[in-house]
Amino acid sequence: MKQYISRLNLIIYLFIWLSIFSACQPKNKLTVDVSKIPVNLKIIRFDTIFYNQNPQKLSTIKKQFPYMFPGYVADSVWYKKMQDSLLKDLKTQVDSVYPDNSKIAPDLISLFKHIKYYYPRFKIPEIITLYSDWNYLKKAVYLDSLELLTLDNFLGAENRLYKGIPAYIKQNMTPEQIPVAVAQSIIDTQVRPPKSKNLLSKMINYGKQLYLLDAYLPQTSDALKIGYSPQKMHWAQQNEEAVWQYFIENNLLYDTQTNLNIRFLNLAPYSKFYTEKDQESPGYIGRFIGWQIVRSFMQKNKVSLHKLLQMPEEEIFKKSKYKPKK
């Protein structure tokens, strides 16, 4: 009995200690209350409407969705799409993953609540779902009042239709990536390209974008936001200091060579340090470093998101007092 009481006291002590410790922790500035922000989300399943319709009703669909049918495309092209066997197979796959909007709406509502928290005048776009015609690099397109969402790009990494697509690309073709893709399509219109063309400015510019993902999707994991597998995410975190030292020792931070984009910023299976262990690294490691610089800046400076986006990358770097994790 004494042993039991002793263990119980220990548990109570630990509980009290953890409660006090948690209360003393600084509040994450991106943890905000969005519960009272109204969002009226409208999702139009254009993919279902189009492929369920008789080709003879094409004119009716065109009148209903004129913005989906460019004038330079002949009706014969749309007739062919409606009867294409490969696209019918694709429709079966999409319908099996998304029989309704339950996998789409909740996360997008949360996303738009957070965007409106920071930008109250932001207008919630109407979501139009469609197919990408096998273009897995264009998952979502933001057009102010409309958001085009290609559901065929989010069927799950192991879907049979993705056979032949590189693993580093199809690992992000999952339902969980929908809010990230939609958020990124909006962020693309909010973050202006850097004026300077050196590597550091480009990294920090990507860091701005990723920090916006932090703000808009605070419950989403870092790996999902940057598109890394758990293993690649672990590598980036464990090698942050080594990567930073590599950039410094090789005088790359203020280098403007365009091949640095390919090596450290562009979508790729791994970054290119020209070593035997390159394939262990994730692609676009420069974006990850830029992200950490912007996070460091925001932790040390009281600046709004709007102000952050207006600031020159060089100023952000100087005021970040960035020190990579060892």
Protein backbone atom coordinates (compact mmCIF):
# COMPACT_ATOMS: atom_id res chain seq x y z
CA MET A 1 0.00 0.00 0.00
CA LYS A 2 2.83 2.41 0.85
CA GLN A 3 4.40 1.71 -2.52
CA TYR A 4 1.09 2.48 -4.26
CA ILE A 5 0.69 5.78 -2.34
CA SER A 6 4.27 6.71 -3.17
CA ARG A 7 3.66 6.13 -6.92
CA LEU A 8 0.39 8.09 -6.72
CA ASN A 9 2.18 11.03 -5.07
CA LEU A 10 4.82 10.93 -7.78
CA ILE A 11 2.16 11.03 -10.50
CA ILE A 12 0.40 13.95 -8.80
CA TYR A 13 3.72 15.77 -8.43
CA LEU A 14 4.59 15.28 -12.08
CA PHE A 15 1.14 16.45 -13.16
CA ILE A 16 1.43 19.65 -11.08
CA TRP A 17 4.97 20.28 -12.33
CA LEU A 18 3.99 19.82 -15.97
CA SER A 19 0.98 22.11 -15.53
CA ILE A 20 3.17 24.86 -14.07
CA PHE A 21 5.80 24.34 -16.76
CA SER A 22 3.20 24.55 -19.53
CA ALA A 23 1.72 27.71 -18.07
CA CYS A 24 5.15 29.35 -18.10
CA GLN A 25 5.83 28.62 -21.74
CA PRO A 26 5.60 31.58 -24.13
CA LYS A 27 2.44 31.52 -26.21
CA ASN A 28 2.93 30.78 -29.88
CA LYS A 29 2.05 34.03 -31.65
CA LEU A 30 0.44 31.98 -34.45
CA THR A 31 -2.00 30.27 -32.09
CA VAL A 32 -5.05 32.45 -32.66
CA ASP A 33 -8.78 32.10 -31.99
CA VAL A 34 -10.67 31.89 -35.27
CA SER A 35 -13.81 30.25 -33.90
CA LYS A 36 -15.98 33.33 -34.40
CA ILE A 37 -14.83 34.13 -37.93
CA PRO A 38 -17.66 33.28 -40.36
CA VAL A 39 -16.78 31.37 -43.51
CA ASN A 40 -19.34 30.42 -46.13
CA LEU A 41 -17.55 27.83 -48.22
CA LYS A 42 -19.02 26.83 -51.57
CA ILE A 43 -17.61 23.80 -53.37
CA ILE A 44 -18.80 23.09 -56.90
CA ARG A 45 -17.95 19.60 -58.12
CA PHE A 46 -17.46 20.57 -61.74
CA ASP A 47 -15.63 17.28 -62.34
CA THR A 48 -18.75 15.33 -61.40
CA ILE A 49 -21.10 17.62 -63.32
CA PHE A 50 -19.01 17.49 -66.49
CA TYR A 51 -18.31 13.76 -66.63
CA ASN A 52 -21.78 12.70 -65.53
CA GLN A 53 -23.43 14.74 -68.26
CA ASN A 54 -24.54 13.51 -71.66
CA PRO A 55 -22.34 15.06 -74.37
CA GLN A 56 -25.49 16.41 -75.99
CA LYS A 57 -25.90 18.65 -72.93
CA LEU A 58 -22.52 20.32 -73.40
CA SER A 59 -24.07 23.65 -74.38
CA THR A 60 -26.01 23.69 -71.11
CA ILE A 61 -22.84 23.16 -69.07
CA LYS A 62 -21.02 25.85 -71.04
CA LYS A 63 -23.76 28.35 -70.22
CA GLN A 64 -23.59 27.39 -66.54
CA PHE A 65 -19.78 27.57 -66.35
CA PRO A 66 -18.61 29.88 -69.16
CA TYR A 67 -15.28 30.56 -67.41
CA MET A 68 -14.37 26.86 -67.69
CA PHE A 69 -14.54 26.79 -71.48
CA PRO A 70 -12.01 29.01 -73.31
CA GLY A 71 -13.38 30.27 -76.59
CA TYR A 72 -10.39 29.02 -78.58
CA VAL A 73 -11.13 25.37 -77.66
CA ALA A 74 -13.50 23.63 -80.09
CA ASP A 75 -16.51 21.71 -78.76
CA SER A 76 -15.07 18.57 -80.34
CA VAL A 77 -12.33 18.62 -77.70
CA TRP A 78 -14.89 18.62 -74.88
CA TYR A 79 -16.94 15.87 -76.54
CA LYS A 80 -13.82 13.75 -76.73
CA LYS A 81 -13.03 14.34 -73.06
CA MET A 82 -16.53 13.32 -72.01
CA GLN A 83 -16.11 9.96 -73.72
CA ASP A 84 -12.41 9.31 -73.05
CA SER A 85 -11.95 5.89 -71.41
CA LEU A 86 -8.86 6.98 -69.46
CA LEU A 87 -10.70 9.97 -68.04
CA LYS A 88 -13.65 7.76 -67.12
CA ASP A 89 -11.25 5.53 -65.22
CA LEU A 90 -9.84 8.62 -63.54
CA LYS A 91 -13.36 9.70 -62.59
CA THR A 92 -13.93 6.32 -60.91
CA GLN A 93 -10.78 6.80 -58.85
CA VAL A 94 -11.64 10.37 -57.89
CA ASP A 95 -15.20 9.44 -56.93
CA SER A 96 -13.94 6.59 -54.75
CA VAL A 97 -11.69 8.95 -52.77
CA TYR A 98 -14.04 11.94 -52.83
CA PRO A 99 -17.63 10.65 -52.95
CA ASP A 100 -18.58 13.90 -51.20
CA ASN A 101 -16.82 16.97 -49.82
CA SER A 102 -16.14 15.64 -46.31
CA LYS A 103 -12.40 15.29 -47.02
CA ILE A 104 -12.21 18.74 -48.56
CA ALA A 105 -14.39 21.20 -46.67
CA PRO A 106 -13.27 21.09 -42.99
CA ASP A 107 -9.59 21.87 -43.59
CA LEU A 108 -10.40 24.53 -46.17
CA ILE A 109 -12.84 26.22 -43.78
CA SER A 110 -10.09 26.32 -41.14
CA LEU A 111 -7.61 27.65 -43.71
CA PHE A 112 -9.91 30.47 -44.80
CA LYS A 113 -10.74 31.38 -41.20
CA HIS A 114 -7.04 31.87 -40.52
CA ILE A 115 -6.47 33.89 -43.68
CA LYS A 116 -9.41 36.16 -42.77
CA TYR A 117 -7.99 36.56 -39.26
CA TYR A 118 -4.90 38.20 -40.74
CA TYR A 119 -6.62 39.76 -43.76
CA PRO A 120 -10.25 40.56 -42.81
CA ARG A 121 -11.05 41.82 -46.33
CA PHE A 122 -10.02 38.53 -47.92
CA LYS A 123 -12.85 37.20 -50.05
CA ILE A 124 -13.49 33.46 -49.74
CA PRO A 125 -13.14 32.00 -53.25
CA GLU A 126 -15.62 29.55 -54.71
CA ILE A 127 -13.96 26.13 -54.96
CA ILE A 128 -14.27 24.52 -58.40
CA THR A 129 -13.08 20.92 -58.57
CA LEU A 130 -11.80 19.53 -61.86
CA TYR A 131 -9.08 17.32 -63.36
CA SER A 132 -5.60 18.49 -64.31
CA ASP A 133 -5.15 16.41 -67.48
CA TRP A 134 -2.22 14.63 -65.79
CA ASN A 135 -0.43 17.84 -64.82
CA TYR A 136 0.70 16.98 -61.29
CA LEU A 137 2.71 20.17 -60.94
CA LYS A 138 -0.35 22.44 -61.01
CA LYS A 139 -2.57 21.27 -58.19
CA ALA A 140 -4.48 24.45 -57.34
CA VAL A 141 -4.95 27.81 -59.02
CA TYR A 142 -6.22 30.91 -57.22
CA LEU A 143 -8.17 33.39 -59.37
CA ASP A 144 -9.41 35.90 -56.79
CA SER A 145 -13.07 34.83 -56.61
CA LEU A 146 -12.36 31.27 -57.76
CA GLU A 147 -10.05 28.47 -56.61
CA LEU A 148 -9.52 25.72 -59.15
CA LEU A 149 -8.70 22.46 -57.35
CA THR A 150 -7.55 19.42 -59.33
CA LEU A 151 -8.75 16.43 -57.32
CA ASP A 152 -6.93 13.92 -59.51
CA ASN A 153 -3.71 15.18 -57.89
CA PHE A 154 -4.78 14.13 -54.39
CA LEU A 155 -5.75 10.45 -54.64
CA GLY A 156 -3.10 9.07 -52.27
CA ALA A 157 0.55 8.29 -52.92
CA GLU A 158 -0.11 4.60 -53.58
CA ASN A 159 -2.91 5.09 -56.09
CA ARG A 160 -2.35 2.90 -59.16
CA LEU A 161 -2.78 5.87 -61.49
CA TYR A 162 0.40 7.38 -60.09
CA LYS A 163 2.59 4.52 -61.20
CA GLY A 164 5.67 5.96 -62.86
CA ILE A 165 5.51 9.29 -61.04
CA PRO A 166 8.69 9.87 -58.98
CA ALA A 167 8.30 9.07 -55.28
CA TYR A 168 9.31 12.56 -54.14
CA ILE A 169 6.40 13.99 -56.13
CA LYS A 170 3.65 11.46 -55.47
CA GLN A 171 4.33 11.47 -51.72
CA ASN A 172 2.54 14.84 -51.76
CA MET A 173 -0.39 13.69 -53.89
CA THR A 174 -2.58 12.94 -50.87
CA PRO A 175 -5.83 14.38 -49.46
CA GLU A 176 -3.82 15.92 -46.59
CA GLN A 177 -2.03 18.15 -49.10
CA ILE A 178 -5.20 19.85 -50.36
CA PRO A 179 -5.18 22.73 -47.82
CA VAL A 180 -1.43 23.20 -48.35
CA ALA A 181 -1.87 23.44 -52.13
CA VAL A 182 -4.79 25.86 -51.83
CA ALA A 183 -2.92 27.99 -49.30
CA GLN A 184 0.19 28.04 -51.51
CA SER A 185 -1.83 29.15 -54.53
CA ILE A 186 -3.06 32.15 -52.52
CA ILE A 187 0.36 32.87 -51.03
CA ASP A 188 1.81 32.97 -54.55
CA THR A 189 -0.23 36.14 -55.09
CA GLN A 190 0.74 37.67 -51.74
CA VAL A 191 4.53 37.32 -51.75
CA ARG A 192 6.36 39.40 -54.31
CA PRO A 193 9.58 38.07 -55.87
CA PRO A 194 12.77 39.34 -54.22
CA LYS A 195 14.47 42.32 -55.85
CA SER A 196 17.88 40.79 -55.32
CA LYS A 197 18.75 37.64 -57.25
CA ASN A 198 21.27 36.22 -54.79
CA LEU A 199 20.71 32.86 -53.09
CA LEU A 200 20.09 34.33 -49.63
CA SER A 201 17.30 36.63 -50.85
CA LYS A 202 15.63 33.80 -52.72
CA MET A 203 15.84 31.52 -49.67
CA ILE A 204 14.28 34.14 -47.41
CA ASN A 205 11.58 34.85 -49.98
CA TYR A 206 10.62 31.18 -49.85
CA GLY A 207 10.89 31.47 -46.09
CA LYS A 208 8.21 34.18 -46.16
CA GLN A 209 5.92 31.83 -48.06
CA LEU A 210 6.49 28.98 -45.62
CA TYR A 211 5.93 31.28 -42.66
CA LEU A 212 2.57 32.23 -44.15
CA LEU A 213 1.79 28.50 -44.21
CA ASP A 214 2.70 28.46 -40.50
CA ALA A 215 0.12 31.18 -39.92
CA TYR A 216 -2.61 29.86 -42.20
CA LEU A 217 -2.22 26.17 -41.27
CA PRO A 218 -1.00 26.17 -37.65
CA GLN A 219 -2.13 22.59 -37.03
CA THR A 220 -0.36 21.18 -40.08
CA SER A 221 3.00 19.46 -39.62
CA ASP A 222 6.16 21.11 -40.94
CA ALA A 223 6.79 18.07 -43.13
CA LEU A 224 3.43 18.48 -44.88
CA LYS A 225 3.92 22.22 -45.31
CA ILE A 226 7.28 21.90 -47.04
CA GLY A 227 6.44 18.58 -48.71
CA TYR A 228 9.09 16.38 -47.08
CA SER A 229 8.79 12.76 -46.04
CA PRO A 230 9.39 12.17 -42.29
CA GLN A 231 12.89 10.89 -43.09
CA LYS A 232 13.80 13.90 -45.21
CA MET A 233 12.35 16.25 -42.58
CA HIS A 234 14.54 14.60 -39.95
CA TRP A 235 17.60 15.05 -42.18
CA ALA A 236 16.87 18.76 -42.66
CA GLN A 237 16.46 19.33 -38.94
CA GLN A 238 19.57 17.35 -38.01
CA ASN A 239 21.77 18.95 -40.67
CA GLU A 240 20.60 22.56 -40.51
CA GLU A 241 23.91 23.82 -39.11
CA ALA A 242 25.99 21.78 -41.58
CA VAL A 243 24.01 23.11 -44.54
CA TRP A 244 24.36 26.69 -43.32
CA GLN A 245 28.11 26.23 -42.91
CA TYR A 246 28.32 24.80 -46.43
CA PHE A 247 26.64 27.92 -47.83
CA ILE A 248 29.01 30.20 -45.90
CA GLU A 249 32.23 28.30 -46.58
CA ASN A 250 31.48 28.14 -50.31
CA ASN A 251 30.50 31.84 -50.50
CA LEU A 252 27.05 30.98 -51.85
CA LEU A 253 24.80 33.33 -49.86
CA TYR A 254 25.34 36.31 -52.14
CA ASP A 255 26.00 34.29 -55.28
CA THR A 256 23.59 34.97 -58.16
CA GLN A 257 24.33 31.93 -60.32
CA THR A 258 21.08 30.44 -61.60
CA ASN A 259 22.34 26.88 -61.18
CA LEU A 260 21.94 27.39 -57.42
CA ASN A 261 18.18 27.34 -57.99
CA ILE A 262 18.44 23.83 -59.36
CA ARG A 263 20.75 22.71 -56.59
CA PHE A 264 18.95 24.16 -53.57
CA LEU A 265 15.61 25.81 -54.40
CA ASN A 266 13.74 23.95 -57.13
CA LEU A 267 11.56 20.88 -56.73
CA ALA A 268 13.92 17.89 -56.77
CA PRO A 269 14.41 14.48 -55.12
CA TYR A 270 17.45 15.81 -53.23
CA SER A 271 19.72 18.83 -52.94
CA LYS A 272 23.06 18.88 -54.71
CA PHE A 273 26.16 19.37 -52.58
CA TYR A 274 28.12 17.13 -54.93
CA THR A 275 28.88 14.52 -52.29
CA GLU A 276 28.27 10.77 -52.10
CA LYS A 277 25.48 11.32 -49.55
CA ASP A 278 23.46 13.88 -51.49
CA GLN A 279 20.54 11.48 -51.96
CA GLU A 280 19.97 11.41 -48.20
CA SER A 281 19.10 15.11 -48.29
CA PRO A 282 15.70 16.55 -49.23
CA GLY A 283 15.19 18.74 -52.27
CA TYR A 284 15.12 22.55 -52.06
CA ILE A 285 16.99 22.61 -48.75
CA GLY A 286 17.49 26.34 -49.34
CA ARG A 287 13.78 26.89 -48.78
CA PHE A 288 14.03 25.11 -45.44
CA ILE A 289 16.93 27.33 -44.33
CA GLY A 290 15.08 30.45 -45.47
CA TRP A 291 12.08 29.30 -43.43
CA GLN A 292 14.19 29.03 -40.29
CA ILE A 293 15.65 32.51 -40.89
CA VAL A 294 12.17 34.03 -41.16
CA ARG A 295 11.00 32.14 -38.07
CA SER A 296 14.00 33.48 -36.16
CA PHE A 297 13.19 37.00 -37.34
CA MET A 298 9.54 36.75 -36.30
CA GLN A 299 10.48 35.39 -32.89
CA LYS A 300 12.79 38.32 -32.21
CA ASN A 301 10.75 41.13 -33.76
CA LYS A 302 7.21 42.36 -33.24
CA VAL A 303 6.11 42.54 -36.84
CA SER A 304 2.77 41.81 -38.53
CA LEU A 305 2.44 39.39 -41.42
CA HIS A 306 1.66 42.29 -43.72
CA LYS A 307 4.82 44.12 -42.65
CA LEU A 308 6.90 40.95 -43.02
CA LEU A 309 5.88 40.63 -46.65
CA GLN A 310 6.90 44.22 -47.38
CA MET A 311 10.35 43.98 -45.82
CA PRO A 312 13.51 43.45 -47.91
CA GLU A 313 15.03 40.02 -47.45
CA GLU A 314 18.41 41.48 -46.45
CA GLU A 315 16.82 43.42 -43.59
CA ILE A 316 15.02 40.31 -42.39
CA PHE A 317 18.29 38.40 -42.38
CA LYS A 318 20.17 41.04 -40.39
CA LYS A 319 17.43 41.39 -37.80
CA SER A 320 16.84 37.64 -37.52
CA LYS A 321 20.17 37.05 -35.78
CA TYR A 322 19.82 33.58 -37.21
CA LYS A 323 21.81 30.80 -35.58
CA PRO A 324 21.17 27.34 -36.99
CA LYS A 325 20.30 24.54 -34.64
CA LYS A 326 23.21 22.25 -33.82
